[in-house]
Amino acid sequence: MSAPTPAEYRQVTTTLPDRASADRIATVLVEERWAACAQVTGPIESTYWWAGEVARATEWYCHFKTSAARVGGLRERLRQLHPYETPEIIAVPIVDGDPAYLRWIEGSVVGG
């Protein structure tokens, strides 16, 4: 089997208002095979511009590992599950990675 091309994989991130919603969304997206892995970290403190003023919130970060082909579906499903009106959903390419790990991502999201 040839080595996978790292550009075929993405890390998608979002922030959530509490640990329970972060854990719930992480579980759903992995169970539905939109992501091979979901990592929840936090709490973090966010400062942002919203509704004409500076706002602050304690949030939790979710990082999802997926294939480039699954990003669109993951984004749509995340919007359905997300409690925010305008959620952060950012996908960045994985520019390098261990070939075995990248194959694991692919094998974990196919057939979803």
Protein backbone atom coordinates (compact mmCIF):
# COMPACT_ATOMS: atom_id res chain seq x y z
CA MET A 1 0.00 0.00 0.00
CA SER A 2 1.40 3.40 -0.95
CA ALA A 3 1.97 6.10 1.63
CA PRO A 4 -0.99 8.47 2.02
CA THR A 5 -0.60 12.09 0.99
CA PRO A 6 -0.90 14.34 4.06
CA ALA A 7 -2.84 16.96 2.04
CA GLU A 8 -5.74 14.50 1.93
CA TYR A 9 -6.37 14.99 5.67
CA ARG A 10 -7.67 17.80 7.86
CA GLN A 11 -7.93 18.90 11.45
CA VAL A 12 -11.25 20.63 12.07
CA THR A 13 -11.69 22.75 15.20
CA THR A 14 -14.63 24.28 17.00
CA THR A 15 -15.34 25.80 20.40
CA LEU A 16 -18.26 24.90 22.64
CA PRO A 17 -19.77 26.50 25.73
CA ASP A 18 -19.30 23.59 28.14
CA ARG A 19 -17.63 20.23 28.57
CA ALA A 20 -20.89 18.29 28.27
CA SER A 21 -21.73 19.67 24.81
CA ALA A 22 -18.12 19.20 23.67
CA ASP A 23 -18.12 15.55 24.79
CA ARG A 24 -21.55 14.92 23.25
CA ILE A 25 -20.61 16.37 19.85
CA ALA A 26 -17.23 14.61 19.89
CA THR A 27 -18.95 11.28 20.49
CA VAL A 28 -21.60 11.79 17.79
CA LEU A 29 -19.11 12.81 15.10
CA VAL A 30 -16.82 9.86 15.82
CA GLU A 31 -19.72 7.38 16.10
CA GLU A 32 -21.12 8.62 12.76
CA ARG A 33 -17.60 8.34 11.30
CA TRP A 34 -17.30 11.97 10.26
CA ALA A 35 -14.08 12.02 12.30
CA ALA A 36 -11.56 9.35 13.22
CA CYS A 37 -10.73 11.11 16.47
CA ALA A 38 -12.05 13.97 18.56
CA GLN A 39 -9.97 15.63 21.23
CA VAL A 40 -11.58 17.90 23.82
CA THR A 41 -9.43 20.44 25.66
CA GLY A 42 -10.24 23.22 28.03
CA PRO A 43 -11.42 25.23 29.57
CA ILE A 44 -10.10 28.14 27.54
CA GLU A 45 -10.95 31.80 27.84
CA SER A 46 -12.14 33.45 24.62
CA THR A 47 -12.39 37.17 23.89
CA TYR A 48 -14.25 38.08 20.72
CA TRP A 49 -16.34 40.68 18.95
CA TRP A 50 -20.07 39.84 19.02
CA ALA A 51 -23.25 41.87 18.56
CA GLY A 52 -21.37 45.16 18.45
CA GLU A 53 -19.24 44.68 21.55
CA VAL A 54 -16.37 42.75 23.06
CA ALA A 55 -17.54 39.56 24.75
CA ARG A 56 -15.77 36.97 26.87
CA ALA A 57 -16.63 33.35 27.50
CA THR A 58 -15.20 30.18 28.96
CA GLU A 59 -15.22 27.54 26.25
CA TRP A 60 -13.96 24.07 25.37
CA TYR A 61 -12.02 23.26 22.20
CA CYS A 62 -12.78 20.23 20.03
CA HIS A 63 -10.23 19.06 17.44
CA PHE A 64 -11.42 16.51 14.89
CA LYS A 65 -9.15 14.46 12.60
CA THR A 66 -10.75 13.58 9.26
CA SER A 67 -10.16 13.19 5.56
CA ALA A 68 -10.47 16.13 3.15
CA ALA A 69 -13.34 14.28 1.48
CA ARG A 70 -15.34 14.18 4.77
CA VAL A 71 -14.88 17.84 5.79
CA GLY A 72 -18.03 19.12 4.08
CA GLY A 73 -20.25 16.53 5.71
CA LEU A 74 -18.57 16.98 9.07
CA ARG A 75 -19.12 20.75 8.84
CA GLU A 76 -22.83 20.32 8.04
CA ARG A 77 -23.36 17.79 10.84
CA LEU A 78 -21.46 20.00 13.28
CA ARG A 79 -23.72 22.95 12.39
CA GLN A 80 -26.77 20.77 13.13
CA LEU A 81 -25.43 19.77 16.55
CA HIS A 82 -23.79 23.04 17.60
CA PRO A 83 -25.54 25.31 20.13
CA TYR A 84 -23.98 28.55 18.79
CA GLU A 85 -25.69 30.75 16.19
CA THR A 86 -22.37 31.18 14.35
CA PRO A 87 -20.01 28.41 15.43
CA GLU A 88 -16.30 28.43 14.78
CA ILE A 89 -15.67 25.66 12.27
CA ILE A 90 -12.15 25.84 10.85
CA ALA A 91 -10.46 23.15 8.81
CA VAL A 92 -6.70 23.20 8.33
CA PRO A 93 -4.71 20.81 6.18
CA ILE A 94 -2.41 18.32 7.81
CA VAL A 95 0.85 19.15 6.09
CA ASP A 96 2.78 16.19 7.43
CA GLY A 97 1.99 13.09 9.40
CA ASP A 98 3.03 9.57 10.13
CA PRO A 99 1.80 7.42 7.22
CA ALA A 100 0.36 4.78 9.56
CA TYR A 101 -1.64 7.43 11.44
CA LEU A 102 -2.94 8.93 8.20
CA ARG A 103 -4.02 5.46 7.00
CA TRP A 104 -5.78 5.00 10.34
CA ILE A 105 -7.71 8.27 9.81
CA GLU A 106 -8.77 7.13 6.35
CA GLY A 107 -9.81 3.70 7.55
CA SER A 108 -11.79 5.18 10.42
CA VAL A 109 -13.89 7.60 8.37
CA VAL A 110 -14.61 5.53 5.25
CA GLY A 111 -17.91 3.73 5.25
CA GLY A 112 -19.41 6.35 7.52
